N, C-alpha and C. Protein backbone atom coordinates (compact mmCIF):
# COMPACT_ATOMS: atom_id res chain seq x y z
N MET A 1 28.08 -31.09 -75.06
CA MET A 1 28.60 -30.51 -73.81
C MET A 1 30.08 -30.86 -73.62
N ARG A 2 30.42 -32.15 -73.85
CA ARG A 2 31.81 -32.55 -73.71
C ARG A 2 32.71 -31.81 -74.69
N PHE A 3 32.19 -31.55 -75.89
CA PHE A 3 32.97 -30.81 -76.88
C PHE A 3 33.25 -29.40 -76.39
N ALA A 4 32.22 -28.73 -75.82
CA ALA A 4 32.40 -27.38 -75.29
C ALA A 4 33.42 -27.39 -74.15
N GLU A 5 33.33 -28.40 -73.28
CA GLU A 5 34.28 -28.50 -72.17
C GLU A 5 35.71 -28.65 -72.69
N SER A 6 35.88 -29.48 -73.72
CA SER A 6 37.22 -29.71 -74.24
C SER A 6 37.82 -28.46 -74.87
N LEU A 7 36.95 -27.56 -75.35
CA LEU A 7 37.42 -26.31 -75.92
C LEU A 7 37.71 -25.26 -74.86
N LEU A 8 36.88 -25.20 -73.81
CA LEU A 8 36.96 -24.12 -72.84
C LEU A 8 37.92 -24.38 -71.69
N ILE A 9 37.90 -25.60 -71.14
CA ILE A 9 38.64 -25.84 -69.91
C ILE A 9 40.15 -25.69 -70.06
N PRO A 10 40.79 -26.25 -71.10
CA PRO A 10 42.25 -26.10 -71.18
C PRO A 10 42.73 -24.64 -71.20
N PRO A 11 42.15 -23.75 -72.04
CA PRO A 11 42.63 -22.37 -72.01
C PRO A 11 42.30 -21.65 -70.71
N ILE A 12 41.14 -21.94 -70.12
CA ILE A 12 40.80 -21.32 -68.84
C ILE A 12 41.80 -21.75 -67.76
N TRP A 13 42.12 -23.04 -67.73
CA TRP A 13 43.06 -23.55 -66.74
C TRP A 13 44.44 -22.90 -66.92
N ALA A 14 44.86 -22.76 -68.16
CA ALA A 14 46.21 -22.27 -68.42
C ALA A 14 46.35 -20.76 -68.24
N TRP A 15 45.28 -20.01 -68.51
CA TRP A 15 45.40 -18.55 -68.56
C TRP A 15 45.37 -17.91 -67.17
N PHE A 16 44.57 -18.46 -66.28
CA PHE A 16 44.42 -17.86 -64.95
C PHE A 16 45.16 -18.69 -63.90
N ARG A 17 45.40 -18.06 -62.75
CA ARG A 17 46.02 -18.76 -61.62
C ARG A 17 44.93 -19.11 -60.62
N TRP A 18 44.58 -20.39 -60.56
CA TRP A 18 43.40 -20.83 -59.82
C TRP A 18 43.74 -21.26 -58.40
N ARG A 19 42.78 -21.00 -57.52
CA ARG A 19 42.84 -21.53 -56.15
C ARG A 19 41.44 -22.04 -55.80
N PHE A 20 41.36 -23.29 -55.40
CA PHE A 20 40.08 -23.89 -55.07
C PHE A 20 40.07 -24.33 -53.61
N GLU A 21 38.93 -24.11 -52.96
CA GLU A 21 38.74 -24.58 -51.58
C GLU A 21 37.32 -25.11 -51.43
N GLY A 22 37.18 -26.13 -50.58
CA GLY A 22 35.85 -26.59 -50.21
C GLY A 22 35.30 -27.72 -51.06
N PHE A 23 36.16 -28.45 -51.78
CA PHE A 23 35.66 -29.59 -52.55
C PHE A 23 34.92 -30.59 -51.66
N GLU A 24 35.34 -30.65 -50.39
CA GLU A 24 34.73 -31.63 -49.49
C GLU A 24 33.26 -31.35 -49.21
N HIS A 25 32.80 -30.13 -49.54
CA HIS A 25 31.40 -29.78 -49.31
C HIS A 25 30.49 -30.17 -50.48
N VAL A 26 31.09 -30.63 -51.57
CA VAL A 26 30.31 -31.01 -52.75
C VAL A 26 30.19 -32.53 -52.80
N PRO A 27 28.99 -33.08 -52.60
CA PRO A 27 28.83 -34.54 -52.63
C PRO A 27 29.25 -35.11 -53.98
N SER A 28 29.84 -36.30 -53.95
CA SER A 28 30.30 -36.93 -55.18
C SER A 28 29.14 -37.47 -56.02
N GLU A 29 27.98 -37.63 -55.42
CA GLU A 29 26.80 -38.07 -56.15
C GLU A 29 25.56 -37.55 -55.44
N GLY A 30 24.43 -37.58 -56.14
CA GLY A 30 23.18 -37.11 -55.58
C GLY A 30 22.96 -35.62 -55.82
N ALA A 31 21.81 -35.16 -55.39
CA ALA A 31 21.39 -33.78 -55.66
C ALA A 31 22.30 -32.76 -54.98
N VAL A 32 22.60 -31.70 -55.72
CA VAL A 32 23.38 -30.58 -55.19
C VAL A 32 22.73 -29.29 -55.67
N LEU A 33 22.42 -28.41 -54.74
CA LEU A 33 21.87 -27.09 -55.06
C LEU A 33 22.91 -26.04 -54.68
N VAL A 34 23.39 -25.31 -55.68
CA VAL A 34 24.47 -24.35 -55.50
C VAL A 34 23.93 -22.93 -55.68
N ALA A 35 24.28 -22.04 -54.77
CA ALA A 35 24.02 -20.61 -54.92
C ALA A 35 25.35 -19.90 -55.12
N GLY A 36 25.47 -19.14 -56.21
CA GLY A 36 26.72 -18.47 -56.51
C GLY A 36 26.60 -16.96 -56.44
N ASN A 37 27.70 -16.31 -56.06
CA ASN A 37 27.74 -14.85 -56.19
C ASN A 37 27.96 -14.52 -57.66
N HIS A 38 27.74 -13.25 -58.01
CA HIS A 38 27.77 -12.90 -59.45
C HIS A 38 28.42 -11.54 -59.61
N ILE A 39 29.74 -11.55 -59.84
CA ILE A 39 30.49 -10.31 -59.98
C ILE A 39 31.00 -10.08 -61.40
N SER A 40 30.76 -11.06 -62.27
CA SER A 40 31.29 -10.97 -63.63
C SER A 40 30.54 -11.96 -64.52
N TYR A 41 30.51 -11.69 -65.82
CA TYR A 41 29.95 -12.66 -66.75
C TYR A 41 30.82 -13.90 -66.86
N PHE A 42 32.02 -13.85 -66.31
CA PHE A 42 32.93 -15.00 -66.31
C PHE A 42 32.57 -16.01 -65.23
N ASP A 43 31.74 -15.61 -64.26
CA ASP A 43 31.47 -16.46 -63.09
C ASP A 43 30.95 -17.85 -63.43
N PRO A 44 30.00 -18.00 -64.37
CA PRO A 44 29.55 -19.37 -64.67
C PRO A 44 30.68 -20.29 -65.11
N LEU A 45 31.67 -19.75 -65.82
CA LEU A 45 32.82 -20.57 -66.21
C LEU A 45 33.66 -20.93 -65.00
N ALA A 46 33.86 -19.96 -64.09
CA ALA A 46 34.65 -20.23 -62.89
C ALA A 46 33.95 -21.22 -61.99
N HIS A 47 32.66 -21.00 -61.73
CA HIS A 47 31.90 -21.93 -60.89
C HIS A 47 31.82 -23.31 -61.55
N GLY A 48 31.60 -23.32 -62.87
CA GLY A 48 31.51 -24.59 -63.58
C GLY A 48 32.82 -25.36 -63.55
N TYR A 49 33.93 -24.64 -63.66
CA TYR A 49 35.24 -25.28 -63.60
C TYR A 49 35.44 -25.93 -62.23
N PHE A 50 35.07 -25.20 -61.17
CA PHE A 50 35.17 -25.76 -59.81
C PHE A 50 34.37 -27.05 -59.70
N LEU A 51 33.12 -27.02 -60.17
CA LEU A 51 32.25 -28.19 -60.04
C LEU A 51 32.75 -29.35 -60.90
N GLU A 52 33.29 -29.05 -62.07
CA GLU A 52 33.89 -30.11 -62.89
C GLU A 52 35.08 -30.73 -62.17
N LYS A 53 35.89 -29.90 -61.52
CA LYS A 53 37.03 -30.41 -60.75
C LYS A 53 36.55 -31.25 -59.57
N ALA A 54 35.35 -30.94 -59.06
CA ALA A 54 34.77 -31.73 -57.96
C ALA A 54 34.11 -33.00 -58.47
N GLY A 55 34.11 -33.20 -59.77
CA GLY A 55 33.55 -34.40 -60.36
C GLY A 55 32.07 -34.33 -60.66
N ARG A 56 31.52 -33.10 -60.71
CA ARG A 56 30.09 -32.95 -60.98
C ARG A 56 29.88 -32.06 -62.20
N ARG A 57 28.76 -32.28 -62.87
CA ARG A 57 28.42 -31.47 -64.05
C ARG A 57 27.22 -30.59 -63.72
N PRO A 58 27.37 -29.28 -63.82
CA PRO A 58 26.29 -28.38 -63.40
C PRO A 58 25.25 -28.13 -64.47
N ARG A 59 24.04 -27.84 -64.00
CA ARG A 59 22.99 -27.26 -64.84
C ARG A 59 22.65 -25.90 -64.24
N TYR A 60 22.62 -24.89 -65.10
CA TYR A 60 22.40 -23.52 -64.64
C TYR A 60 20.96 -23.07 -64.92
N MET A 61 20.45 -22.24 -64.02
CA MET A 61 19.24 -21.49 -64.31
C MET A 61 19.71 -20.18 -64.93
N ALA A 62 19.41 -19.97 -66.21
CA ALA A 62 19.96 -18.84 -66.96
C ALA A 62 18.85 -18.04 -67.63
N LYS A 63 19.09 -16.76 -67.78
CA LYS A 63 18.06 -15.88 -68.36
C LYS A 63 17.75 -16.29 -69.79
N ILE A 64 16.48 -16.14 -70.16
CA ILE A 64 15.99 -16.60 -71.45
C ILE A 64 16.70 -15.90 -72.62
N GLU A 65 17.19 -14.67 -72.39
CA GLU A 65 17.87 -13.94 -73.46
C GLU A 65 19.07 -14.71 -73.99
N LEU A 66 19.76 -15.45 -73.12
CA LEU A 66 20.92 -16.22 -73.56
C LEU A 66 20.52 -17.38 -74.46
N PHE A 67 19.32 -17.90 -74.25
CA PHE A 67 18.84 -18.99 -75.09
C PHE A 67 18.42 -18.49 -76.47
N ARG A 68 18.10 -17.19 -76.57
CA ARG A 68 17.68 -16.62 -77.84
C ARG A 68 18.86 -16.14 -78.68
N ASN A 69 20.03 -16.12 -78.07
CA ASN A 69 21.23 -15.71 -78.78
C ASN A 69 21.68 -16.83 -79.72
N ARG A 70 22.04 -16.48 -80.95
CA ARG A 70 22.37 -17.52 -81.94
C ARG A 70 23.65 -18.26 -81.62
N PHE A 71 24.51 -17.66 -80.78
CA PHE A 71 25.76 -18.32 -80.41
C PHE A 71 25.60 -19.14 -79.13
N THR A 72 25.08 -18.51 -78.07
CA THR A 72 24.98 -19.21 -76.78
C THR A 72 23.76 -20.12 -76.71
N GLY A 73 22.71 -19.82 -77.48
CA GLY A 73 21.48 -20.59 -77.41
C GLY A 73 21.68 -22.08 -77.68
N PRO A 74 22.29 -22.45 -78.80
CA PRO A 74 22.48 -23.88 -79.08
C PRO A 74 23.30 -24.59 -78.01
N VAL A 75 24.31 -23.90 -77.47
CA VAL A 75 25.15 -24.52 -76.44
C VAL A 75 24.33 -24.77 -75.17
N LEU A 76 23.56 -23.76 -74.76
CA LEU A 76 22.77 -23.90 -73.54
C LEU A 76 21.70 -24.97 -73.68
N ARG A 77 21.04 -24.98 -74.83
CA ARG A 77 20.01 -26.00 -75.03
C ARG A 77 20.63 -27.40 -75.10
N GLY A 78 21.77 -27.50 -75.76
CA GLY A 78 22.44 -28.80 -75.85
C GLY A 78 22.90 -29.31 -74.50
N ALA A 79 23.25 -28.39 -73.61
CA ALA A 79 23.71 -28.77 -72.27
C ALA A 79 22.56 -28.86 -71.26
N ARG A 80 21.32 -28.72 -71.76
CA ARG A 80 20.12 -28.87 -70.94
C ARG A 80 20.08 -27.88 -69.78
N GLN A 81 20.49 -26.65 -70.05
CA GLN A 81 20.37 -25.62 -69.03
C GLN A 81 18.91 -25.19 -68.93
N ILE A 82 18.58 -24.46 -67.86
CA ILE A 82 17.18 -24.17 -67.54
C ILE A 82 16.90 -22.69 -67.80
N PRO A 83 16.03 -22.37 -68.78
CA PRO A 83 15.74 -20.96 -69.09
C PRO A 83 14.82 -20.33 -68.06
N VAL A 84 15.08 -19.06 -67.77
CA VAL A 84 14.29 -18.30 -66.81
C VAL A 84 13.88 -16.97 -67.45
N VAL A 85 12.58 -16.67 -67.41
CA VAL A 85 12.09 -15.37 -67.85
C VAL A 85 11.99 -14.50 -66.60
N ARG A 86 12.96 -13.61 -66.46
CA ARG A 86 13.03 -12.82 -65.23
C ARG A 86 11.83 -11.89 -65.08
N GLY A 87 11.29 -11.85 -63.85
CA GLY A 87 10.19 -10.96 -63.54
C GLY A 87 8.84 -11.41 -64.03
N SER A 88 8.76 -12.63 -64.60
CA SER A 88 7.49 -13.09 -65.17
C SER A 88 6.61 -13.81 -64.16
N GLY A 89 7.21 -14.29 -63.08
CA GLY A 89 6.45 -15.08 -62.13
C GLY A 89 6.21 -16.51 -62.59
N ASP A 90 6.82 -16.90 -63.71
CA ASP A 90 6.66 -18.24 -64.26
C ASP A 90 7.29 -19.27 -63.32
N THR A 91 6.53 -20.29 -62.93
CA THR A 91 7.04 -21.31 -62.02
C THR A 91 7.71 -22.48 -62.74
N ALA A 92 7.65 -22.50 -64.07
CA ALA A 92 8.22 -23.62 -64.82
C ALA A 92 9.72 -23.82 -64.53
N PRO A 93 10.53 -22.75 -64.44
CA PRO A 93 11.95 -22.97 -64.14
C PRO A 93 12.18 -23.63 -62.78
N ILE A 94 11.41 -23.23 -61.77
CA ILE A 94 11.54 -23.84 -60.46
C ILE A 94 11.18 -25.32 -60.54
N GLN A 95 10.09 -25.63 -61.25
CA GLN A 95 9.67 -27.02 -61.39
C GLN A 95 10.73 -27.85 -62.12
N ALA A 96 11.32 -27.27 -63.17
CA ALA A 96 12.37 -27.98 -63.91
C ALA A 96 13.59 -28.22 -63.02
N ALA A 97 13.95 -27.22 -62.23
CA ALA A 97 15.10 -27.36 -61.34
C ALA A 97 14.84 -28.40 -60.26
N VAL A 98 13.63 -28.43 -59.71
CA VAL A 98 13.28 -29.43 -58.69
C VAL A 98 13.35 -30.83 -59.29
N ARG A 99 12.87 -30.99 -60.52
CA ARG A 99 12.95 -32.31 -61.17
C ARG A 99 14.41 -32.73 -61.35
N ALA A 100 15.26 -31.78 -61.73
CA ALA A 100 16.68 -32.08 -61.89
C ALA A 100 17.30 -32.51 -60.56
N LEU A 101 16.95 -31.81 -59.49
CA LEU A 101 17.47 -32.16 -58.17
C LEU A 101 16.98 -33.54 -57.74
N HIS A 102 15.71 -33.82 -57.96
CA HIS A 102 15.17 -35.12 -57.60
C HIS A 102 15.82 -36.24 -58.41
N ALA A 103 16.36 -35.88 -59.58
CA ALA A 103 17.07 -36.86 -60.41
C ALA A 103 18.55 -36.97 -60.02
N GLY A 104 18.95 -36.26 -58.97
CA GLY A 104 20.33 -36.34 -58.48
C GLY A 104 21.31 -35.46 -59.20
N GLU A 105 20.84 -34.41 -59.85
CA GLU A 105 21.72 -33.52 -60.61
C GLU A 105 22.19 -32.33 -59.77
N VAL A 106 23.08 -31.55 -60.36
CA VAL A 106 23.60 -30.33 -59.75
C VAL A 106 22.94 -29.13 -60.42
N VAL A 107 22.29 -28.29 -59.64
CA VAL A 107 21.64 -27.09 -60.16
C VAL A 107 22.32 -25.87 -59.56
N VAL A 108 22.72 -24.93 -60.42
CA VAL A 108 23.38 -23.70 -59.98
C VAL A 108 22.45 -22.52 -60.19
N VAL A 109 22.30 -21.72 -59.14
CA VAL A 109 21.41 -20.56 -59.16
C VAL A 109 22.22 -19.32 -58.79
N TYR A 110 21.95 -18.22 -59.50
CA TYR A 110 22.49 -16.91 -59.12
C TYR A 110 21.33 -16.10 -58.54
N PRO A 111 21.21 -16.07 -57.21
CA PRO A 111 20.02 -15.46 -56.60
C PRO A 111 19.81 -14.00 -56.95
N GLU A 112 20.89 -13.29 -57.31
CA GLU A 112 20.73 -11.87 -57.67
C GLU A 112 20.08 -11.71 -59.05
N SER A 113 20.12 -12.75 -59.86
CA SER A 113 19.56 -12.76 -61.22
C SER A 113 20.31 -11.86 -62.18
N SER A 114 21.41 -11.28 -61.76
CA SER A 114 22.18 -10.38 -62.62
C SER A 114 23.54 -10.15 -61.97
N VAL A 115 24.49 -9.69 -62.77
CA VAL A 115 25.78 -9.28 -62.21
C VAL A 115 25.55 -8.10 -61.26
N THR A 116 26.17 -8.14 -60.11
CA THR A 116 25.97 -7.08 -59.12
C THR A 116 26.35 -5.71 -59.67
N THR A 117 25.61 -4.72 -59.26
CA THR A 117 25.93 -3.34 -59.64
C THR A 117 26.60 -2.59 -58.49
N ASN A 118 26.83 -3.26 -57.36
CA ASN A 118 27.49 -2.62 -56.24
C ASN A 118 28.96 -2.36 -56.57
N GLU A 119 29.43 -1.19 -56.25
CA GLU A 119 30.80 -0.81 -56.62
C GLU A 119 31.85 -1.69 -55.97
N ASP A 120 31.55 -2.22 -54.77
CA ASP A 120 32.52 -3.09 -54.11
C ASP A 120 32.31 -4.56 -54.46
N PHE A 121 31.43 -4.82 -55.41
CA PHE A 121 31.13 -6.16 -55.90
C PHE A 121 30.49 -7.07 -54.85
N SER A 122 29.97 -6.49 -53.79
CA SER A 122 29.21 -7.27 -52.82
C SER A 122 27.87 -7.67 -53.42
N PRO A 123 27.25 -8.74 -52.93
CA PRO A 123 25.98 -9.19 -53.51
C PRO A 123 24.86 -8.19 -53.30
N MET A 124 23.98 -8.11 -54.27
CA MET A 124 22.75 -7.34 -54.13
C MET A 124 21.73 -8.19 -53.38
N ARG A 125 20.54 -7.65 -53.18
CA ARG A 125 19.49 -8.41 -52.51
C ARG A 125 19.05 -9.57 -53.40
N GLY A 126 19.01 -10.76 -52.83
CA GLY A 126 18.68 -11.94 -53.62
C GLY A 126 17.19 -12.10 -53.85
N LYS A 127 16.86 -12.72 -54.99
CA LYS A 127 15.48 -13.11 -55.26
C LYS A 127 15.18 -14.40 -54.48
N THR A 128 13.90 -14.63 -54.19
CA THR A 128 13.54 -15.74 -53.30
C THR A 128 13.43 -17.09 -54.02
N GLY A 129 13.77 -17.16 -55.29
CA GLY A 129 13.73 -18.43 -56.00
C GLY A 129 14.61 -19.49 -55.35
N ILE A 130 15.77 -19.09 -54.83
CA ILE A 130 16.66 -20.04 -54.19
C ILE A 130 16.00 -20.64 -52.95
N ALA A 131 15.22 -19.83 -52.22
CA ALA A 131 14.51 -20.34 -51.05
C ALA A 131 13.42 -21.32 -51.48
N ARG A 132 12.70 -20.98 -52.52
CA ARG A 132 11.65 -21.88 -53.00
C ARG A 132 12.25 -23.23 -53.43
N LEU A 133 13.41 -23.18 -54.04
CA LEU A 133 14.04 -24.41 -54.50
C LEU A 133 14.45 -25.31 -53.34
N THR A 134 15.14 -24.74 -52.35
CA THR A 134 15.61 -25.57 -51.26
C THR A 134 14.46 -26.10 -50.41
N LEU A 135 13.41 -25.29 -50.21
CA LEU A 135 12.29 -25.74 -49.38
C LEU A 135 11.40 -26.73 -50.11
N THR A 136 11.29 -26.61 -51.42
CA THR A 136 10.48 -27.54 -52.19
C THR A 136 11.18 -28.87 -52.40
N SER A 137 12.49 -28.80 -52.66
CA SER A 137 13.25 -30.02 -52.96
C SER A 137 13.77 -30.72 -51.72
N GLY A 138 13.96 -29.97 -50.62
CA GLY A 138 14.57 -30.53 -49.43
C GLY A 138 16.08 -30.67 -49.53
N VAL A 139 16.68 -30.07 -50.59
CA VAL A 139 18.13 -30.15 -50.79
C VAL A 139 18.79 -28.92 -50.17
N PRO A 140 19.79 -29.11 -49.32
CA PRO A 140 20.51 -27.96 -48.74
C PRO A 140 21.19 -27.12 -49.82
N VAL A 141 21.51 -25.88 -49.46
CA VAL A 141 22.16 -24.95 -50.38
C VAL A 141 23.66 -24.91 -50.09
N ILE A 142 24.46 -25.08 -51.12
CA ILE A 142 25.91 -24.94 -50.99
C ILE A 142 26.30 -23.58 -51.54
N PRO A 143 26.81 -22.67 -50.69
CA PRO A 143 27.28 -21.38 -51.21
C PRO A 143 28.61 -21.55 -51.94
N LEU A 144 28.71 -20.96 -53.13
CA LEU A 144 29.92 -21.06 -53.94
C LEU A 144 30.33 -19.66 -54.36
N VAL A 145 31.46 -19.22 -53.83
CA VAL A 145 31.88 -17.82 -54.01
C VAL A 145 33.14 -17.76 -54.85
N VAL A 146 33.17 -16.81 -55.79
CA VAL A 146 34.35 -16.57 -56.60
C VAL A 146 34.85 -15.16 -56.35
N TRP A 147 36.18 -15.02 -56.25
CA TRP A 147 36.83 -13.71 -56.19
C TRP A 147 37.85 -13.62 -57.33
N GLY A 148 38.10 -12.40 -57.76
CA GLY A 148 39.12 -12.18 -58.79
C GLY A 148 38.59 -12.15 -60.20
N SER A 149 37.33 -12.54 -60.39
CA SER A 149 36.78 -12.56 -61.75
C SER A 149 36.18 -11.23 -62.17
N ALA A 150 36.00 -10.32 -61.22
CA ALA A 150 35.31 -9.06 -61.52
C ALA A 150 35.92 -8.29 -62.70
N PRO A 151 37.26 -8.20 -62.81
CA PRO A 151 37.81 -7.43 -63.94
C PRO A 151 37.76 -8.16 -65.28
N VAL A 152 37.45 -9.45 -65.27
CA VAL A 152 37.62 -10.25 -66.48
C VAL A 152 36.59 -9.91 -67.54
N TRP A 153 35.31 -9.79 -67.11
CA TRP A 153 34.26 -9.58 -68.13
C TRP A 153 33.07 -8.92 -67.46
N GLN A 154 32.90 -7.64 -67.70
CA GLN A 154 31.83 -6.87 -67.08
C GLN A 154 30.80 -6.43 -68.11
N LYS A 155 29.73 -5.84 -67.62
CA LYS A 155 28.71 -5.29 -68.50
C LYS A 155 29.33 -4.25 -69.41
N GLY A 156 28.77 -4.11 -70.59
CA GLY A 156 29.31 -3.15 -71.54
C GLY A 156 30.50 -3.68 -72.29
N GLY A 157 30.83 -4.98 -72.07
CA GLY A 157 31.92 -5.57 -72.80
C GLY A 157 33.30 -5.27 -72.25
N ARG A 158 33.38 -4.63 -71.05
CA ARG A 158 34.69 -4.32 -70.49
C ARG A 158 35.38 -5.61 -70.07
N ARG A 159 36.60 -5.81 -70.56
CA ARG A 159 37.33 -7.04 -70.28
C ARG A 159 38.78 -6.73 -69.94
N ASN A 160 39.32 -7.51 -69.03
CA ASN A 160 40.73 -7.42 -68.70
C ASN A 160 41.24 -8.86 -68.57
N LEU A 161 41.85 -9.36 -69.62
CA LEU A 161 42.29 -10.75 -69.66
C LEU A 161 43.77 -10.89 -69.35
N LYS A 162 44.20 -10.19 -68.32
CA LYS A 162 45.61 -10.25 -67.93
C LYS A 162 46.01 -11.69 -67.62
N PHE A 163 47.10 -12.13 -68.22
CA PHE A 163 47.58 -13.49 -68.00
C PHE A 163 48.00 -13.68 -66.54
N GLY A 164 47.62 -14.83 -65.97
CA GLY A 164 48.02 -15.15 -64.61
C GLY A 164 47.18 -14.50 -63.53
N ARG A 165 46.08 -13.88 -63.91
CA ARG A 165 45.22 -13.26 -62.90
C ARG A 165 44.75 -14.33 -61.90
N PRO A 166 44.89 -14.07 -60.60
CA PRO A 166 44.43 -15.06 -59.61
C PRO A 166 42.92 -15.07 -59.50
N ILE A 167 42.34 -16.26 -59.51
CA ILE A 167 40.91 -16.44 -59.31
C ILE A 167 40.72 -17.53 -58.25
N TRP A 168 39.93 -17.20 -57.24
CA TRP A 168 39.74 -18.06 -56.09
C TRP A 168 38.27 -18.46 -56.03
N VAL A 169 38.02 -19.75 -55.99
CA VAL A 169 36.65 -20.26 -55.89
C VAL A 169 36.56 -21.12 -54.64
N LYS A 170 35.56 -20.84 -53.82
CA LYS A 170 35.45 -21.54 -52.53
C LYS A 170 34.00 -21.95 -52.27
N ALA A 171 33.80 -23.23 -51.94
CA ALA A 171 32.48 -23.73 -51.53
C ALA A 171 32.42 -23.76 -50.01
N GLY A 172 31.28 -23.32 -49.47
CA GLY A 172 31.06 -23.36 -48.04
C GLY A 172 30.24 -24.58 -47.65
N PRO A 173 30.10 -24.82 -46.35
CA PRO A 173 29.30 -25.96 -45.88
C PRO A 173 27.85 -25.82 -46.32
N PRO A 174 27.17 -26.94 -46.54
CA PRO A 174 25.75 -26.89 -46.93
C PRO A 174 24.90 -26.17 -45.88
N LEU A 175 23.93 -25.40 -46.35
CA LEU A 175 23.00 -24.69 -45.48
C LEU A 175 21.69 -25.45 -45.47
N ASP A 176 21.33 -25.97 -44.31
CA ASP A 176 20.13 -26.81 -44.17
C ASP A 176 18.97 -25.95 -43.68
N PHE A 177 17.92 -25.86 -44.49
CA PHE A 177 16.76 -25.05 -44.14
C PHE A 177 15.52 -25.92 -43.91
N SER A 178 15.73 -27.16 -43.50
CA SER A 178 14.60 -28.07 -43.29
C SER A 178 13.63 -27.57 -42.23
N SER A 179 14.11 -26.75 -41.30
CA SER A 179 13.22 -26.21 -40.26
C SER A 179 12.18 -25.24 -40.82
N TYR A 180 12.37 -24.80 -42.07
CA TYR A 180 11.44 -23.86 -42.71
C TYR A 180 10.45 -24.56 -43.65
N GLU A 181 10.56 -25.87 -43.80
CA GLU A 181 9.79 -26.55 -44.85
C GLU A 181 8.29 -26.39 -44.71
N ASP A 182 7.80 -26.29 -43.47
CA ASP A 182 6.35 -26.13 -43.31
C ASP A 182 5.90 -24.69 -43.55
N ARG A 183 6.87 -23.81 -43.90
CA ARG A 183 6.57 -22.40 -44.19
C ARG A 183 6.98 -22.04 -45.62
N ARG A 184 6.99 -23.02 -46.50
CA ARG A 184 7.52 -22.80 -47.85
C ARG A 184 6.69 -21.81 -48.66
N ASP A 185 5.44 -21.57 -48.24
CA ASP A 185 4.59 -20.60 -48.94
C ASP A 185 4.48 -19.28 -48.20
N ASP A 186 5.27 -19.12 -47.16
CA ASP A 186 5.25 -17.91 -46.34
C ASP A 186 6.29 -16.93 -46.89
N PRO A 187 5.85 -15.77 -47.44
CA PRO A 187 6.82 -14.81 -48.00
C PRO A 187 7.90 -14.40 -47.00
N ALA A 188 7.53 -14.27 -45.72
CA ALA A 188 8.53 -13.88 -44.72
C ALA A 188 9.59 -14.95 -44.56
N ALA A 189 9.19 -16.22 -44.59
CA ALA A 189 10.15 -17.31 -44.47
C ALA A 189 11.06 -17.38 -45.70
N LEU A 190 10.46 -17.18 -46.88
CA LEU A 190 11.26 -17.19 -48.11
C LEU A 190 12.32 -16.09 -48.07
N ARG A 191 11.94 -14.92 -47.55
CA ARG A 191 12.89 -13.82 -47.45
C ARG A 191 13.98 -14.15 -46.44
N GLU A 192 13.62 -14.73 -45.31
CA GLU A 192 14.62 -15.08 -44.29
C GLU A 192 15.64 -16.06 -44.85
N VAL A 193 15.15 -17.10 -45.52
CA VAL A 193 16.06 -18.10 -46.08
C VAL A 193 16.97 -17.47 -47.13
N THR A 194 16.39 -16.67 -48.00
CA THR A 194 17.18 -16.01 -49.05
C THR A 194 18.26 -15.12 -48.45
N ASP A 195 17.91 -14.35 -47.44
CA ASP A 195 18.88 -13.45 -46.82
C ASP A 195 20.00 -14.24 -46.15
N GLN A 196 19.68 -15.39 -45.57
CA GLN A 196 20.72 -16.20 -44.97
C GLN A 196 21.68 -16.76 -46.02
N VAL A 197 21.12 -17.13 -47.17
CA VAL A 197 21.99 -17.60 -48.25
C VAL A 197 22.90 -16.47 -48.73
N MET A 198 22.31 -15.29 -48.94
CA MET A 198 23.09 -14.16 -49.45
C MET A 198 24.20 -13.76 -48.48
N ALA A 199 23.93 -13.92 -47.18
CA ALA A 199 24.95 -13.57 -46.18
C ALA A 199 26.20 -14.44 -46.35
N GLN A 200 26.00 -15.69 -46.80
CA GLN A 200 27.14 -16.58 -47.00
C GLN A 200 27.88 -16.30 -48.31
N LEU A 201 27.26 -15.52 -49.18
CA LEU A 201 27.90 -15.13 -50.43
C LEU A 201 28.63 -13.80 -50.30
N ASN A 202 28.49 -13.16 -49.17
CA ASN A 202 29.11 -11.85 -48.93
C ASN A 202 30.25 -12.00 -47.95
N VAL A 203 31.28 -12.74 -48.39
CA VAL A 203 32.42 -13.01 -47.51
C VAL A 203 33.72 -12.68 -48.22
């Protein structure tokens, strides 16, 4: 993981013009549950760079297809990222993420489960996994939003790597959903919590 960071962070830092806000919302130690917007395939690098600058190392919940790729698979497995089989109903990823949170780690979730298809790059409807995670673990959700990454790397391989492109990453205050904990198995409550998280990613 450190080797990958040493290769990726210097060129990322030098190529783009970064603006960071909200470091004070990321605890220096202990469990952190992050929900990120998803407007580009570049977002995990942008969000990860922010969290590294905040002094934390993220673990991502990522689609299983990336683990099966001969290039990204070894990196993801080596960095102990969490594979997710989308649409399967498998609870193993949630359980793995909860264990990571209980161990004081940082877990990053993209509630949309995919890069947004909305033309204005606003978030799509979120999946309720983020609600299950916060209600099961008791860890508040920190919304982490990136702007400016949309042109960098889109579906279909479209890329625009213009030098000096501004990219802004901002963390919001933690969202505490402890009042919903006794309704963690209620689909209506899971939807309410998810929609509240998504509302903070649409800013």
